[in-house]
């Protein structure tokens, strides 16, 4: 059976946003992407923080060229749609954002997101009008590509010290008018916040970042109106947390107890060997 083409994956990804609620976990390398795919997840998304940390860098330190290469790597490795965490488009100017979005689309991703965080924690969000122009420019670039890539517009106030729900909704509604397919306000976490955002932009899809133990199940989040649930860099941090705890126990206590019960080399070999056979058949 031939592997799905980028066009196939883009069509599938768009259909996933039309109804129901799905989880889009965030791998940080090819191995984690293929394992998640093997578990049956219908789509995946890159994580800027998870990828950066795997390279020994801080979140936000990935260069534009590195981001493109990573998007291409995961899009080619996965048989399911991959959404790109494209941060702020790696530019401030709308025309530059549009050009960078064009290059991101060329990597084969099925979707991408653009955020309104400008990199300045003292005044973290792009001016409202500029933020809208940037979204509109990204939309136009995707339309010109003719690819059908799903476009997600994000507003970052809740994770950058500006937890203003009214302003968040104002921006998201403007992003809808500017052409976003999916809306995303990372950092909202209460039922009231989630439902307010979903209601404000309905019938457009909403992505909810479940980066903590908020106590909601997938079914409960879906019932609030969310179509897509991502986890950001949390799964990458779970892996890093286990690694750090194990390393500390050895370094500080001379104990190897953390090795008990871990997945075996043989199990991983079997999984990835089967995965290769499936993709080559």
Protein backbone atom coordinates (compact mmCIF):
# COMPACT_ATOMS: atom_id res chain seq x y z
CA UNK A 1 0.00 0.00 0.00
CA UNK A 2 1.57 3.34 -1.04
CA UNK A 3 2.32 5.93 1.61
CA UNK A 4 -0.07 8.90 1.65
CA UNK A 5 1.07 11.96 -0.28
CA UNK A 6 1.28 15.46 1.24
CA UNK A 7 -2.00 16.23 -0.53
CA UNK A 8 -3.62 13.15 1.03
CA UNK A 9 -2.46 14.15 4.49
CA UNK A 10 -3.66 17.73 4.03
CA UNK A 11 -7.09 16.53 2.99
CA UNK A 12 -7.24 14.21 6.02
CA UNK A 13 -6.13 16.99 8.36
CA UNK A 14 -8.77 19.40 7.09
CA UNK A 15 -11.47 16.74 7.52
CA UNK A 16 -10.39 16.12 11.12
CA UNK A 17 -11.25 19.73 11.94
CA UNK A 18 -14.81 19.48 10.64
CA UNK A 19 -16.38 17.47 13.47
CA UNK A 20 -15.64 15.73 16.76
CA UNK A 21 -12.50 16.16 18.84
CA UNK A 22 -9.07 14.64 18.30
CA UNK A 23 -5.76 14.65 20.15
CA UNK A 24 -2.71 15.88 18.25
CA UNK A 25 0.34 14.96 20.37
CA UNK A 26 3.68 16.69 19.87
CA UNK A 27 6.72 14.53 19.03
CA UNK A 28 10.18 16.07 19.03
CA UNK A 29 12.05 13.67 16.73
CA UNK A 30 11.42 10.90 14.20
CA UNK A 31 11.35 8.11 16.80
CA UNK A 32 8.73 9.77 18.98
CA UNK A 33 6.71 10.71 15.88
CA UNK A 34 6.61 7.16 14.57
CA UNK A 35 5.78 5.69 17.96
CA UNK A 36 2.86 8.09 18.40
CA UNK A 37 1.67 7.27 14.90
CA UNK A 38 1.90 3.58 15.77
CA UNK A 39 -0.41 4.13 18.73
CA UNK A 40 -3.10 5.30 16.35
CA UNK A 41 -3.04 9.07 16.71
CA UNK A 42 -4.59 10.60 13.61
CA UNK A 43 -2.27 13.61 13.40
CA UNK A 44 0.88 15.01 15.02
CA UNK A 45 2.33 18.45 15.67
CA UNK A 46 5.85 19.72 16.13
CA UNK A 47 6.85 21.32 19.42
CA UNK A 48 9.26 24.24 19.34
CA UNK A 49 10.25 23.74 22.98
CA UNK A 50 10.60 19.97 22.80
CA UNK A 51 12.76 20.16 19.70
CA UNK A 52 14.88 22.98 21.12
CA UNK A 53 15.50 21.18 24.40
CA UNK A 54 16.47 17.98 22.58
CA UNK A 55 19.25 20.00 20.94
CA UNK A 56 20.37 21.62 24.19
CA UNK A 57 18.77 24.97 23.34
CA UNK A 58 16.18 27.13 25.05
CA UNK A 59 12.70 27.43 23.60
CA UNK A 60 12.79 30.19 21.00
CA UNK A 61 16.45 29.64 20.11
CA UNK A 62 15.76 27.51 17.05
CA UNK A 63 16.69 29.30 13.83
CA UNK A 64 14.40 29.63 10.84
CA UNK A 65 16.45 27.16 8.79
CA UNK A 66 16.47 24.66 11.65
CA UNK A 67 12.70 24.96 11.99
CA UNK A 68 12.16 24.30 8.28
CA UNK A 69 14.48 21.29 8.34
CA UNK A 70 12.67 19.86 11.37
CA UNK A 71 9.25 20.35 9.77
CA UNK A 72 10.41 18.60 6.62
CA UNK A 73 11.97 15.76 8.60
CA UNK A 74 8.79 15.00 10.55
CA UNK A 75 6.44 15.55 7.61
CA UNK A 76 8.43 13.04 5.55
CA UNK A 77 8.73 10.55 8.42
CA UNK A 78 5.05 10.44 9.32
CA UNK A 79 2.20 8.86 7.40
CA UNK A 80 -0.29 11.01 9.29
CA UNK A 81 -0.69 14.80 8.97
CA UNK A 82 1.88 16.98 10.75
CA UNK A 83 1.11 20.49 11.96
CA UNK A 84 4.03 22.91 12.30
CA UNK A 85 4.50 25.04 15.40
CA UNK A 86 5.85 27.90 13.29
CA UNK A 87 6.18 30.28 16.25
CA UNK A 88 5.83 33.91 15.07
CA UNK A 89 6.66 33.07 11.47
CA UNK A 90 10.27 34.00 12.14
CA UNK A 91 9.56 37.59 11.09
CA UNK A 92 7.74 40.70 12.26
CA UNK A 93 6.77 42.18 8.90
CA UNK A 94 3.65 40.67 7.29
CA UNK A 95 5.32 40.31 3.87
CA UNK A 96 8.23 38.43 5.42
CA UNK A 97 5.81 36.25 7.36
CA UNK A 98 4.06 35.41 4.09
CA UNK A 99 7.32 34.37 2.42
CA UNK A 100 8.33 32.24 5.40
CA UNK A 101 4.91 30.60 5.47
CA UNK A 102 5.34 29.74 1.79
CA UNK A 103 8.63 28.01 2.59
CA UNK A 104 7.06 26.16 5.52
CA UNK A 105 4.25 24.89 3.28
CA UNK A 106 6.90 23.58 0.90
CA UNK A 107 8.21 21.23 3.63
CA UNK A 108 5.10 19.06 3.23
CA UNK A 109 3.32 19.90 6.50
CA UNK A 110 -0.46 19.60 6.59
CA UNK A 111 -0.95 22.60 8.85
CA UNK A 112 0.91 25.41 10.55
CA UNK A 113 0.35 27.94 13.31
CA UNK A 114 1.41 31.58 13.63
CA UNK A 115 1.45 33.33 17.01
CA UNK A 116 1.24 36.99 18.05
CA UNK A 117 4.12 36.85 20.57
CA UNK A 118 6.80 39.31 19.46
CA UNK A 119 9.67 38.08 21.65
CA UNK A 120 9.59 41.04 24.07
CA UNK A 121 8.34 39.87 27.46
CA UNK A 122 7.93 43.48 28.65
CA UNK A 123 5.36 44.13 25.92
CA UNK A 124 4.80 40.65 24.51
CA UNK A 125 2.07 40.92 21.89
CA UNK A 126 2.20 42.50 18.47
CA UNK A 127 -0.03 45.55 18.20
CA UNK A 128 -3.57 44.44 17.41
CA UNK A 129 -3.64 45.79 13.85
CA UNK A 130 -0.21 44.37 13.04
CA UNK A 131 -1.18 41.00 14.52
CA UNK A 132 -4.23 40.86 12.24
CA UNK A 133 -2.18 41.89 9.19
CA UNK A 134 0.28 39.09 9.93
CA UNK A 135 -2.54 36.54 10.06
CA UNK A 136 -4.02 37.87 6.83
CA UNK A 137 -0.60 37.68 5.13
CA UNK A 138 -0.16 34.06 6.22
CA UNK A 139 -3.64 33.22 4.94
CA UNK A 140 -2.92 34.77 1.56
CA UNK A 141 0.37 32.87 1.27
CA UNK A 142 -1.37 29.57 1.94
CA UNK A 143 -4.14 30.38 -0.52
CA UNK A 144 -1.58 31.21 -3.22
CA UNK A 145 0.10 27.84 -2.62
CA UNK A 146 -3.14 26.04 -3.47
CA UNK A 147 -2.26 23.29 -1.01
CA UNK A 148 -5.15 23.45 1.43
CA UNK A 149 -2.79 23.59 4.42
CA UNK A 150 -4.80 24.17 7.62
CA UNK A 151 -3.93 27.55 9.16
CA UNK A 152 -4.04 28.07 12.93
CA UNK A 153 -3.78 31.56 14.43
CA UNK A 154 -2.64 31.86 18.05
CA UNK A 155 -2.81 34.62 20.62
CA UNK A 156 -0.29 34.25 23.41
CA UNK A 157 -1.43 36.59 26.19
CA UNK A 158 -2.19 33.86 28.72
CA UNK A 159 1.32 32.40 28.57
CA UNK A 160 3.16 35.72 28.45
CA UNK A 161 1.76 37.60 31.42
CA UNK A 162 -1.35 39.09 29.76
CA UNK A 163 -4.18 36.78 30.88
CA UNK A 164 -7.00 38.99 29.57
CA UNK A 165 -9.86 36.85 28.28
CA UNK A 166 -11.69 39.73 26.61
CA UNK A 167 -8.57 40.76 24.67
CA UNK A 168 -7.86 37.14 23.82
CA UNK A 169 -11.34 36.74 22.35
CA UNK A 170 -11.10 40.07 20.52
CA UNK A 171 -7.93 38.90 18.81
CA UNK A 172 -9.23 35.43 18.01
CA UNK A 173 -12.40 36.84 16.42
CA UNK A 174 -10.29 39.20 14.33
CA UNK A 175 -8.12 36.27 13.30
CA UNK A 176 -11.26 34.45 12.15
CA UNK A 177 -12.14 37.44 9.97
CA UNK A 178 -8.55 37.44 8.64
CA UNK A 179 -8.92 33.84 7.46
CA UNK A 180 -7.74 31.46 10.19
CA UNK A 181 -9.11 27.92 9.99
CA UNK A 182 -8.37 27.07 13.62
CA UNK A 183 -7.96 29.29 16.68
CA UNK A 184 -5.66 28.76 19.63
CA UNK A 185 -5.14 30.55 22.94
CA UNK A 186 -2.50 28.57 24.84
CA UNK A 187 -2.74 29.04 28.58
CA UNK A 188 -6.49 29.07 29.05
CA UNK A 189 -7.38 26.21 31.35
CA UNK A 190 -10.74 26.60 33.08
CA UNK A 191 -14.03 25.31 31.73
CA UNK A 192 -15.37 28.86 31.61
CA UNK A 193 -12.41 30.12 29.57
CA UNK A 194 -12.48 27.20 27.16
CA UNK A 195 -16.21 27.42 26.54
CA UNK A 196 -16.06 31.20 26.10
CA UNK A 197 -13.36 30.91 23.44
CA UNK A 198 -15.16 28.11 21.59
CA UNK A 199 -18.44 30.03 21.61
CA UNK A 200 -16.78 33.25 20.42
CA UNK A 201 -15.22 31.74 17.29
CA UNK A 202 -17.83 29.07 16.46
CA UNK A 203 -18.12 27.31 14.04
CA UNK A 204 -14.35 27.56 13.55
CA UNK A 205 -12.21 24.86 15.18
CA UNK A 206 -10.42 25.55 18.47
CA UNK A 207 -7.15 23.98 19.58
CA UNK A 208 -6.78 23.53 23.34
CA UNK A 209 -3.35 23.14 24.91
CA UNK A 210 -3.54 20.47 27.60
CA UNK A 211 -0.11 20.98 29.10
CA UNK A 212 -0.95 20.13 32.70
CA UNK A 213 -3.08 17.86 34.86
CA UNK A 214 -6.26 19.95 34.54
CA UNK A 215 -8.51 16.98 35.28
CA UNK A 216 -10.42 16.99 31.98
CA UNK A 217 -10.76 13.93 29.75
CA UNK A 218 -10.75 14.10 25.97
CA UNK A 219 -14.52 13.58 25.99
CA UNK A 220 -15.06 16.40 28.47
CA UNK A 221 -12.87 18.81 26.51
CA UNK A 222 -14.70 17.88 23.32
CA UNK A 223 -18.03 18.56 25.02
CA UNK A 224 -16.84 22.11 25.74
CA UNK A 225 -16.58 22.70 22.00
CA UNK A 226 -12.88 21.96 21.38
CA UNK A 227 -12.00 20.19 18.13
CA UNK A 228 -8.26 19.64 18.64
CA UNK A 229 -6.20 18.95 21.77
CA UNK A 230 -2.42 19.41 21.69
CA UNK A 231 0.09 18.89 24.49
CA UNK A 232 2.90 21.23 23.40
CA UNK A 233 6.27 20.30 24.86
CA UNK A 234 4.80 18.39 27.78
CA UNK A 235 5.48 14.87 26.50
CA UNK A 236 9.04 15.89 25.68
CA UNK A 237 9.36 17.20 29.25
CA UNK A 238 7.94 13.93 30.59
CA UNK A 239 10.76 12.10 28.82
CA UNK A 240 13.35 14.63 29.99
CA UNK A 241 11.99 14.50 33.54
CA UNK A 242 12.41 10.71 33.68
CA UNK A 243 15.92 10.99 32.25
CA UNK A 244 16.92 13.67 34.78
CA UNK A 245 15.47 11.75 37.72
CA UNK A 246 17.33 8.60 36.65
CA UNK A 247 20.61 10.45 36.10
CA UNK A 248 20.36 12.23 39.46
CA UNK A 249 19.73 8.99 41.30
CA UNK A 250 22.91 7.53 39.80
CA UNK A 251 25.01 10.67 40.28
CA UNK A 252 23.83 11.54 43.78
CA UNK A 253 22.89 8.17 45.33
CA UNK A 254 24.71 5.60 43.23
CA UNK A 255 21.42 3.83 42.62
CA UNK A 256 20.04 2.31 39.42
CA UNK A 257 16.51 1.68 40.68
CA UNK A 258 15.03 3.85 37.92
CA UNK A 259 15.96 1.19 35.36
CA UNK A 260 13.32 -1.21 36.76
CA UNK A 261 10.37 -1.85 34.48
CA UNK A 262 11.54 0.25 31.53
CA UNK A 263 10.72 -0.83 27.98
CA UNK A 264 13.33 -3.23 26.64
CA UNK A 265 15.67 -2.77 23.72
CA UNK A 266 14.04 -5.82 22.10
CA UNK A 267 10.57 -4.28 22.35
CA UNK A 268 11.69 -1.04 20.73
CA UNK A 269 13.57 -2.95 18.04
CA UNK A 270 10.46 -4.98 17.28
CA UNK A 271 8.24 -1.91 17.10
CA UNK A 272 10.50 0.06 14.80
CA UNK A 273 11.29 -2.97 12.64
CA UNK A 274 7.57 -3.58 12.11
CA UNK A 275 7.07 0.12 11.45
CA UNK A 276 9.69 0.11 8.70
CA UNK A 277 8.10 -2.99 7.11
CA UNK A 278 4.66 -1.39 7.12
CA UNK A 279 5.93 1.79 5.49
CA UNK A 280 7.90 -0.07 2.82
CA UNK A 281 5.18 -2.55 1.87
